[in-house]
């Protein structure tokens, strides 16, 4: 397999160089960009396998960068933020970010999440190259999922979900009413083997509730989440 290329978009040079050094030590080819316009230009000029993207940037911010990158072509995005505001995180996930880290973070965690995101992309690529399956769907109450087309409809109206939101929804709806611990969701959807990213699950659940309706996913405090159904 050829060397994976990562675009690191960070205006703080010390942080950018630290990330680049660690990712290069992991075998990645790394390109740096220090502002919004140069990040988009670099992405358009060369294909990248993953983007590590700071939310606070000169030119235009990381949310706008993410929006433009995903409009160009789909790419996994790990967003970095010095802010912990829920609105910022939900907007980041809504424009196509797959995961986020709040500064300060450990390089070990950044590397682990980078590898996990790329494993998800590899699995999706393998599935896409497999023989076309028969049309499969999953329907509970007024929510219908086309597994083949990766589309979701609520009361007949299509709802746009990100790649991660779709996978999380399928995981929940596949076992209605069953309480799925955060650790299990992290393993099934993100491919993580520890619970360090439990807040990532919480943020994606909030994003799903905003799109699908807040009463469909039940929180079991201290444990995880369950998909509610009238059936």
C-alpha atoms as a PDB file:
ATOM      1  CA  UNK A   1       0.000   0.000   0.000  1.00  0.00           C
ATOM      2  CA  UNK A   2       1.312   3.460  -0.862  1.00  0.00           C
ATOM      3  CA  UNK A   3       2.093   5.950   1.858  1.00  0.00           C
ATOM      4  CA  UNK A   4      -1.013   7.631   3.241  1.00  0.00           C
ATOM      5  CA  UNK A   5      -1.128  11.411   2.806  1.00  0.00           C
ATOM      6  CA  UNK A   6      -2.447  13.616   5.619  1.00  0.00           C
ATOM      7  CA  UNK A   7      -3.192  17.323   5.347  1.00  0.00           C
ATOM      8  CA  UNK A   8      -2.613  19.111   8.672  1.00  0.00           C
ATOM      9  CA  UNK A   9      -4.318  22.511   8.841  1.00  0.00           C
ATOM     10  CA  UNK A  10      -3.125  24.437  11.895  1.00  0.00           C
ATOM     11  CA  UNK A  11      -2.023  28.077  12.220  1.00  0.00           C
ATOM     12  CA  UNK A  12       0.026  27.575  15.389  1.00  0.00           C
ATOM     13  CA  UNK A  13       3.361  26.518  13.934  1.00  0.00           C
ATOM     14  CA  UNK A  14       4.610  24.698  17.026  1.00  0.00           C
ATOM     15  CA  UNK A  15       1.498  22.529  17.187  1.00  0.00           C
ATOM     16  CA  UNK A  16       1.508  21.945  13.437  1.00  0.00           C
ATOM     17  CA  UNK A  17       5.130  20.804  13.429  1.00  0.00           C
ATOM     18  CA  UNK A  18       4.564  18.543  16.446  1.00  0.00           C
ATOM     19  CA  UNK A  19       1.626  16.850  14.742  1.00  0.00           C
ATOM     20  CA  UNK A  20       3.546  16.515  11.477  1.00  0.00           C
ATOM     21  CA  UNK A  21       6.586  15.025  13.211  1.00  0.00           C
ATOM     22  CA  UNK A  22       4.507  12.425  15.036  1.00  0.00           C
ATOM     23  CA  UNK A  23       2.473  11.445  11.980  1.00  0.00           C
ATOM     24  CA  UNK A  24       5.605  11.151   9.835  1.00  0.00           C
ATOM     25  CA  UNK A  25       7.070   8.862  12.482  1.00  0.00           C
ATOM     26  CA  UNK A  26       3.952   6.711  12.016  1.00  0.00           C
ATOM     27  CA  UNK A  27       4.683   6.420   8.295  1.00  0.00           C
ATOM     28  CA  UNK A  28       2.385   9.118   6.917  1.00  0.00           C
ATOM     29  CA  UNK A  29       3.258  11.680   4.284  1.00  0.00           C
ATOM     30  CA  UNK A  30       2.252  15.037   5.775  1.00  0.00           C
ATOM     31  CA  UNK A  31       1.456  18.367   4.130  1.00  0.00           C
ATOM     32  CA  UNK A  32       0.936  21.522   6.199  1.00  0.00           C
ATOM     33  CA  UNK A  33      -1.383  24.495   5.685  1.00  0.00           C
ATOM     34  CA  UNK A  34      -1.685  27.475   8.012  1.00  0.00           C
ATOM     35  CA  UNK A  35      -4.931  29.145   6.924  1.00  0.00           C
ATOM     36  CA  UNK A  36      -8.287  28.399   5.342  1.00  0.00           C
ATOM     37  CA  UNK A  37      -7.575  29.381   1.719  1.00  0.00           C
ATOM     38  CA  UNK A  38      -4.240  27.534   1.541  1.00  0.00           C
ATOM     39  CA  UNK A  39      -5.844  24.427   3.063  1.00  0.00           C
ATOM     40  CA  UNK A  40      -8.519  24.305   0.366  1.00  0.00           C
ATOM     41  CA  UNK A  41      -5.934  24.989  -2.358  1.00  0.00           C
ATOM     42  CA  UNK A  42      -3.680  22.174  -1.102  1.00  0.00           C
ATOM     43  CA  UNK A  43      -6.592  19.751  -0.969  1.00  0.00           C
ATOM     44  CA  UNK A  44      -7.745  20.572  -4.476  1.00  0.00           C
ATOM     45  CA  UNK A  45      -4.201  20.304  -5.864  1.00  0.00           C
ATOM     46  CA  UNK A  46      -3.412  16.837  -4.449  1.00  0.00           C
ATOM     47  CA  UNK A  47      -5.475  13.936  -3.105  1.00  0.00           C
ATOM     48  CA  UNK A  48      -5.294  13.405   0.670  1.00  0.00           C
ATOM     49  CA  UNK A  49      -6.427  10.388   2.665  1.00  0.00           C
ATOM     50  CA  UNK A  50      -7.269  12.333   5.829  1.00  0.00           C
ATOM     51  CA  UNK A  51      -7.370  15.932   7.096  1.00  0.00           C
ATOM     52  CA  UNK A  52      -6.447  17.090  10.597  1.00  0.00           C
ATOM     53  CA  UNK A  53      -8.192  20.446  10.817  1.00  0.00           C
ATOM     54  CA  UNK A  54      -8.055  23.215  13.420  1.00  0.00           C
ATOM     55  CA  UNK A  55     -11.345  25.053  13.860  1.00  0.00           C
ATOM     56  CA  UNK A  56      -9.770  28.501  14.465  1.00  0.00           C
ATOM     57  CA  UNK A  57      -7.909  29.647  11.350  1.00  0.00           C
ATOM     58  CA  UNK A  58      -7.055  32.879   9.544  1.00  0.00           C
ATOM     59  CA  UNK A  59      -8.722  33.555   6.205  1.00  0.00           C
ATOM     60  CA  UNK A  60     -11.820  31.524   7.009  1.00  0.00           C
ATOM     61  CA  UNK A  61     -12.356  29.057   9.822  1.00  0.00           C
ATOM     62  CA  UNK A  62     -12.130  25.293   9.927  1.00  0.00           C
ATOM     63  CA  UNK A  63     -15.901  24.867   9.601  1.00  0.00           C
ATOM     64  CA  UNK A  64     -15.844  26.608   6.230  1.00  0.00           C
ATOM     65  CA  UNK A  65     -12.737  24.647   5.217  1.00  0.00           C
ATOM     66  CA  UNK A  66     -14.484  21.371   6.082  1.00  0.00           C
ATOM     67  CA  UNK A  67     -17.580  22.407   4.162  1.00  0.00           C
ATOM     68  CA  UNK A  68     -15.536  23.206   1.050  1.00  0.00           C
ATOM     69  CA  UNK A  69     -13.415  20.057   1.267  1.00  0.00           C
ATOM     70  CA  UNK A  70     -16.434  17.777   1.519  1.00  0.00           C
ATOM     71  CA  UNK A  71     -18.048  19.595  -1.411  1.00  0.00           C
ATOM     72  CA  UNK A  72     -14.893  18.857  -3.440  1.00  0.00           C
ATOM     73  CA  UNK A  73     -14.716  15.156  -2.499  1.00  0.00           C
ATOM     74  CA  UNK A  74     -15.432  13.053   0.578  1.00  0.00           C
ATOM     75  CA  UNK A  75     -12.522  12.795   3.017  1.00  0.00           C
ATOM     76  CA  UNK A  76     -12.322  11.828   6.706  1.00  0.00           C
ATOM     77  CA  UNK A  77     -11.734  14.886   8.897  1.00  0.00           C
ATOM     78  CA  UNK A  78     -10.397  14.993  12.456  1.00  0.00           C
ATOM     79  CA  UNK A  79     -11.211  18.448  13.818  1.00  0.00           C
ATOM     80  CA  UNK A  80      -9.122  20.210  16.471  1.00  0.00           C
ATOM     81  CA  UNK A  81     -10.648  22.865  18.677  1.00  0.00           C
ATOM     82  CA  UNK A  82      -9.525  24.987  21.606  1.00  0.00           C
ATOM     83  CA  UNK A  83     -13.184  25.608  22.384  1.00  0.00           C
ATOM     84  CA  UNK A  84     -15.459  23.109  24.056  1.00  0.00           C
ATOM     85  CA  UNK A  85     -18.755  24.758  23.167  1.00  0.00           C
ATOM     86  CA  UNK A  86     -21.420  22.227  22.213  1.00  0.00           C
ATOM     87  CA  UNK A  87     -22.621  24.365  19.301  1.00  0.00           C
ATOM     88  CA  UNK A  88     -19.149  24.438  17.728  1.00  0.00           C
ATOM     89  CA  UNK A  89     -18.829  20.668  17.968  1.00  0.00           C
ATOM     90  CA  UNK A  90     -22.279  19.984  16.542  1.00  0.00           C
ATOM     91  CA  UNK A  91     -21.711  22.381  13.640  1.00  0.00           C
ATOM     92  CA  UNK A  92     -18.362  20.703  12.943  1.00  0.00           C
ATOM     93  CA  UNK A  93     -20.003  17.304  12.789  1.00  0.00           C
ATOM     94  CA  UNK A  94     -22.816  18.690  10.632  1.00  0.00           C
ATOM     95  CA  UNK A  95     -20.445  19.988   7.939  1.00  0.00           C
ATOM     96  CA  UNK A  96     -18.711  16.633   7.589  1.00  0.00           C
ATOM     97  CA  UNK A  97     -16.146  16.209  10.369  1.00  0.00           C
ATOM     98  CA  UNK A  98     -15.872  12.586  11.493  1.00  0.00           C
ATOM     99  CA  UNK A  99     -14.328  13.208  14.893  1.00  0.00           C
ATOM    100  CA  UNK A 100     -12.813  15.942  17.028  1.00  0.00           C
ATOM    101  CA  UNK A 101     -10.167  16.516  19.694  1.00  0.00           C
ATOM    102  CA  UNK A 102     -10.237  19.367  22.195  1.00  0.00           C
ATOM    103  CA  UNK A 103      -6.915  21.068  22.896  1.00  0.00           C
ATOM    104  CA  UNK A 104      -4.759  20.235  24.714  1.00  0.00           C
ATOM    105  CA  UNK A 105      -4.625  16.632  23.486  1.00  0.00           C
ATOM    106  CA  UNK A 106      -2.039  13.877  23.525  1.00  0.00           C
ATOM    107  CA  UNK A 107      -0.241  12.930  20.319  1.00  0.00           C
ATOM    108  CA  UNK A 108      -0.894   9.310  21.192  1.00  0.00           C
ATOM    109  CA  UNK A 109      -4.649   9.921  21.088  1.00  0.00           C
ATOM    110  CA  UNK A 110      -4.386  11.860  17.831  1.00  0.00           C
ATOM    111  CA  UNK A 111      -2.487   8.982  16.214  1.00  0.00           C
ATOM    112  CA  UNK A 112      -4.986   6.415  17.521  1.00  0.00           C
ATOM    113  CA  UNK A 113      -7.924   8.334  16.113  1.00  0.00           C
ATOM    114  CA  UNK A 114      -6.145   8.874  12.796  1.00  0.00           C
ATOM    115  CA  UNK A 115      -5.599   5.136  12.388  1.00  0.00           C
ATOM    116  CA  UNK A 116      -9.195   4.394  13.443  1.00  0.00           C
ATOM    117  CA  UNK A 117     -10.624   6.790  10.856  1.00  0.00           C
ATOM    118  CA  UNK A 118      -8.502   5.296   8.099  1.00  0.00           C
ATOM    119  CA  UNK A 119      -9.537   1.758   9.072  1.00  0.00           C
ATOM    120  CA  UNK A 120     -13.163   2.819   8.645  1.00  0.00           C
ATOM    121  CA  UNK A 121     -12.388   4.185   5.190  1.00  0.00           C
ATOM    122  CA  UNK A 122     -10.642   0.919   4.257  1.00  0.00           C
ATOM    123  CA  UNK A 123     -13.646  -1.142   5.380  1.00  0.00           C
ATOM    124  CA  UNK A 124     -16.003   1.073   3.378  1.00  0.00           C
ATOM    125  CA  UNK A 125     -13.776   0.712   0.298  1.00  0.00           C
ATOM    126  CA  UNK A 126     -13.774  -3.071   0.626  1.00  0.00           C
ATOM    127  CA  UNK A 127     -17.553  -3.128   0.860  1.00  0.00           C
ATOM    128  CA  UNK A 128     -17.880  -0.842  -2.163  1.00  0.00           C
ATOM    129  CA  UNK A 129     -15.717  -3.166  -4.271  1.00  0.00           C
ATOM    130  CA  UNK A 130     -17.709  -6.265  -3.306  1.00  0.00           C
ATOM    131  CA  UNK A 131     -20.432  -7.627  -5.608  1.00  0.00           C
ATOM    132  CA  UNK A 132     -23.612  -5.518  -5.402  1.00  0.00           C
ATOM    133  CA  UNK A 133     -25.860  -6.853  -2.634  1.00  0.00           C
ATOM    134  CA  UNK A 134     -29.584  -7.254  -2.862  1.00  0.00           C
ATOM    135  CA  UNK A 135     -31.510  -4.193  -1.788  1.00  0.00           C
ATOM    136  CA  UNK A 136     -31.591  -4.157   1.993  1.00  0.00           C
ATOM    137  CA  UNK A 137     -33.477  -1.813   4.261  1.00  0.00           C
ATOM    138  CA  UNK A 138     -34.184  -1.307   7.936  1.00  0.00           C
ATOM    139  CA  UNK A 139     -37.463   0.269   9.011  1.00  0.00           C
ATOM    140  CA  UNK A 140     -38.721   1.120  12.484  1.00  0.00           C
ATOM    141  CA  UNK A 141     -41.864   3.208  12.865  1.00  0.00           C
ATOM    142  CA  UNK A 142     -41.443   6.153  10.462  1.00  0.00           C
ATOM    143  CA  UNK A 143     -37.672   5.878  10.029  1.00  0.00           C
ATOM    144  CA  UNK A 144     -36.434   3.923   7.009  1.00  0.00           C
ATOM    145  CA  UNK A 145     -32.798   3.181   6.190  1.00  0.00           C
ATOM    146  CA  UNK A 146     -31.636   1.960   2.792  1.00  0.00           C
ATOM    147  CA  UNK A 147     -28.455   0.071   3.659  1.00  0.00           C
ATOM    148  CA  UNK A 148     -27.529  -0.341   0.008  1.00  0.00           C
ATOM    149  CA  UNK A 149     -27.918   3.317  -0.930  1.00  0.00           C
ATOM    150  CA  UNK A 150     -26.964   4.662   2.530  1.00  0.00           C
ATOM    151  CA  UNK A 151     -30.040   6.874   2.630  1.00  0.00           C
ATOM    152  CA  UNK A 152     -32.366   7.717   5.502  1.00  0.00           C
ATOM    153  CA  UNK A 153     -35.996   8.826   5.290  1.00  0.00           C
ATOM    154  CA  UNK A 154     -38.201  10.056   8.119  1.00  0.00           C
ATOM    155  CA  UNK A 155     -41.934  10.045   7.365  1.00  0.00           C
ATOM    156  CA  UNK A 156     -40.984   9.730   3.709  1.00  0.00           C
ATOM    157  CA  UNK A 157     -38.659  12.756   3.665  1.00  0.00           C
ATOM    158  CA  UNK A 158     -34.950  12.171   3.080  1.00  0.00           C
ATOM    159  CA  UNK A 159     -32.638  13.311   5.891  1.00  0.00           C
ATOM    160  CA  UNK A 160     -28.976  13.982   5.154  1.00  0.00           C
ATOM    161  CA  UNK A 161     -26.611  12.260   7.587  1.00  0.00           C
ATOM    162  CA  UNK A 162     -22.838  12.254   7.656  1.00  0.00           C
ATOM    163  CA  UNK A 163     -20.996   8.958   7.202  1.00  0.00           C
ATOM    164  CA  UNK A 164     -20.509   8.568  10.942  1.00  0.00           C
ATOM    165  CA  UNK A 165     -24.081   9.526  11.820  1.00  0.00           C
ATOM    166  CA  UNK A 166     -25.404   6.939   9.352  1.00  0.00           C
ATOM    167  CA  UNK A 167     -23.247   4.149  10.803  1.00  0.00           C
ATOM    168  CA  UNK A 168     -24.256   5.102  14.336  1.00  0.00           C
ATOM    169  CA  UNK A 169     -27.947   5.111  13.413  1.00  0.00           C
ATOM    170  CA  UNK A 170     -27.695   1.668  11.823  1.00  0.00           C
ATOM    171  CA  UNK A 171     -25.981   0.327  14.929  1.00  0.00           C
ATOM    172  CA  UNK A 172     -28.748   1.656  17.192  1.00  0.00           C
ATOM    173  CA  UNK A 173     -31.682   0.661  14.987  1.00  0.00           C
ATOM    174  CA  UNK A 174     -30.322  -2.844  14.437  1.00  0.00           C
ATOM    175  CA  UNK A 175     -31.065  -3.580  18.106  1.00  0.00           C
ATOM    176  CA  UNK A 176     -34.173  -1.566  19.017  1.00  0.00           C
ATOM    177  CA  UNK A 177     -34.705  -0.929  22.745  1.00  0.00           C
ATOM    178  CA  UNK A 178     -31.405  -2.623  23.608  1.00  0.00           C
ATOM    179  CA  UNK A 179     -29.094  -0.398  25.630  1.00  0.00           C
ATOM    180  CA  UNK A 180     -25.773  -0.133  23.827  1.00  0.00           C
ATOM    181  CA  UNK A 181     -22.867   1.031  26.006  1.00  0.00           C
ATOM    182  CA  UNK A 182     -20.706   3.858  24.695  1.00  0.00           C
ATOM    183  CA  UNK A 183     -17.739   1.478  24.561  1.00  0.00           C
ATOM    184  CA  UNK A 184     -19.640  -0.873  22.254  1.00  0.00           C
ATOM    185  CA  UNK A 185     -20.679   1.997  19.980  1.00  0.00           C
ATOM    186  CA  UNK A 186     -17.094   3.254  19.853  1.00  0.00           C
ATOM    187  CA  UNK A 187     -15.901  -0.188  18.822  1.00  0.00           C
ATOM    188  CA  UNK A 188     -18.636  -0.828  16.262  1.00  0.00           C
ATOM    189  CA  UNK A 189     -18.762   2.610  14.621  1.00  0.00           C
ATOM    190  CA  UNK A 190     -15.352   4.165  15.197  1.00  0.00           C
ATOM    191  CA  UNK A 191     -13.216   1.053  15.554  1.00  0.00           C
ATOM    192  CA  UNK A 192     -11.772   2.141  18.900  1.00  0.00           C
ATOM    193  CA  UNK A 193     -10.743  -0.320  21.575  1.00  0.00           C
ATOM    194  CA  UNK A 194     -10.954   2.026  24.593  1.00  0.00           C
ATOM    195  CA  UNK A 195     -13.482   4.457  26.057  1.00  0.00           C
ATOM    196  CA  UNK A 196     -11.391   7.618  25.687  1.00  0.00           C
ATOM    197  CA  UNK A 197     -13.741   8.979  23.048  1.00  0.00           C
ATOM    198  CA  UNK A 198     -17.036   8.622  24.903  1.00  0.00           C
ATOM    199  CA  UNK A 199     -17.784  12.325  24.433  1.00  0.00           C
ATOM    200  CA  UNK A 200     -17.506  11.805  20.681  1.00  0.00           C
ATOM    201  CA  UNK A 201     -20.431   9.376  20.933  1.00  0.00           C
ATOM    202  CA  UNK A 202     -22.421  11.907  22.965  1.00  0.00           C
ATOM    203  CA  UNK A 203     -21.846  14.665  20.394  1.00  0.00           C
ATOM    204  CA  UNK A 204     -22.923  12.458  17.488  1.00  0.00           C
ATOM    205  CA  UNK A 205     -26.032  11.349  19.396  1.00  0.00           C
ATOM    206  CA  UNK A 206     -26.961  15.020  19.886  1.00  0.00           C
ATOM    207  CA  UNK A 207     -26.475  15.622  16.164  1.00  0.00           C
ATOM    208  CA  UNK A 208     -28.722  12.659  15.323  1.00  0.00           C
ATOM    209  CA  UNK A 209     -31.413  13.906  17.697  1.00  0.00           C
ATOM    210  CA  UNK A 210     -31.421  17.299  16.030  1.00  0.00           C
ATOM    211  CA  UNK A 211     -31.969  15.697  12.622  1.00  0.00           C
ATOM    212  CA  UNK A 212     -34.326  12.851  13.536  1.00  0.00           C
ATOM    213  CA  UNK A 213     -36.201  14.107  16.570  1.00  0.00           C
ATOM    214  CA  UNK A 214     -35.140  14.158  20.191  1.00  0.00           C
ATOM    215  CA  UNK A 215     -37.436  11.408  21.500  1.00  0.00           C
ATOM    216  CA  UNK A 216     -36.115   8.563  19.316  1.00  0.00           C
ATOM    217  CA  UNK A 217     -32.865   7.878  21.178  1.00  0.00           C
ATOM    218  CA  UNK A 218     -33.047   7.196  24.898  1.00  0.00           C
ATOM    219  CA  UNK A 219     -30.140   8.043  27.190  1.00  0.00           C
ATOM    220  CA  UNK A 220     -29.323   5.516  29.903  1.00  0.00           C
ATOM    221  CA  UNK A 221     -27.171   7.595  32.224  1.00  0.00           C
ATOM    222  CA  UNK A 222     -23.818   6.081  33.021  1.00  0.00           C
ATOM    223  CA  UNK A 223     -24.267   3.347  30.419  1.00  0.00           C
ATOM    224  CA  UNK A 224     -25.144   4.361  26.875  1.00  0.00           C
ATOM    225  CA  UNK A 225     -28.056   4.754  24.451  1.00  0.00           C
ATOM    226  CA  UNK A 226     -31.035   2.847  23.098  1.00  0.00           C
ATOM    227  CA  UNK A 227     -33.255   3.310  20.029  1.00  0.00           C
ATOM    228  CA  UNK A 228     -36.878   3.715  21.105  1.00  0.00           C
ATOM    229  CA  UNK A 229     -39.704   2.276  19.022  1.00  0.00           C
ATOM    230  CA  UNK A 230     -43.459   2.117  19.387  1.00  0.00           C
ATOM    231  CA  UNK A 231     -43.508  -1.460  18.144  1.00  0.00           C
END
